[in-house]
Amino acid sequence: KVIINEALELARTFSTDDSVRFINGVLDAVRRTLGRE
């Protein structure tokens, strides 16, 4: 969870709002997928 928050902070600093939403969606999907294993 912490690494996702850090990645989103970087995205907020260096990218657009649309990109932040996209990155959040991708990372959340990865988190959910890995959580099932």
Protein backbone atom coordinates (compact mmCIF):
# COMPACT_ATOMS: atom_id res chain seq x y z
CA LYS A 1 0.00 0.00 0.00
CA VAL A 2 2.80 2.41 0.84
CA ILE A 3 4.54 1.89 -2.48
CA ILE A 4 1.30 2.61 -4.33
CA ASN A 5 0.88 5.86 -2.42
CA GLU A 6 4.47 6.85 -3.19
CA ALA A 7 3.97 6.09 -6.88
CA LEU A 8 0.82 8.21 -6.92
CA GLU A 9 2.63 11.10 -5.22
CA LEU A 10 5.28 10.96 -7.95
CA ALA A 11 2.57 10.88 -10.59
CA ARG A 12 0.85 13.90 -9.02
CA THR A 13 4.14 15.79 -9.03
CA PHE A 14 5.26 14.95 -12.55
CA SER A 15 2.11 14.14 -14.51
CA THR A 16 -1.46 15.16 -15.28
CA ASP A 17 -4.62 14.38 -13.31
CA ASP A 18 -5.76 11.95 -16.00
CA SER A 19 -2.48 10.08 -15.75
CA VAL A 20 -2.77 9.85 -11.97
CA ARG A 21 -6.21 8.25 -12.30
CA PHE A 22 -4.89 5.81 -14.90
CA ILE A 23 -1.85 4.86 -12.81
CA ASN A 24 -4.04 4.43 -9.74
CA GLY A 25 -6.32 2.07 -11.66
CA VAL A 26 -3.43 0.00 -12.99
CA LEU A 27 -1.72 -0.28 -9.61
CA ASP A 28 -5.00 -1.15 -7.89
CA ALA A 29 -5.60 -3.95 -10.40
CA VAL A 30 -2.09 -5.28 -9.78
CA ARG A 31 -2.63 -5.11 -6.01
CA ARG A 32 -5.90 -7.04 -6.27
CA THR A 33 -4.37 -9.65 -8.57
CA LEU A 34 -1.36 -10.22 -6.32
CA GLY A 35 -3.59 -10.31 -3.25
CA ARG A 36 -5.31 -13.42 -4.61
CA GLU A 37 -2.08 -15.41 -4.84
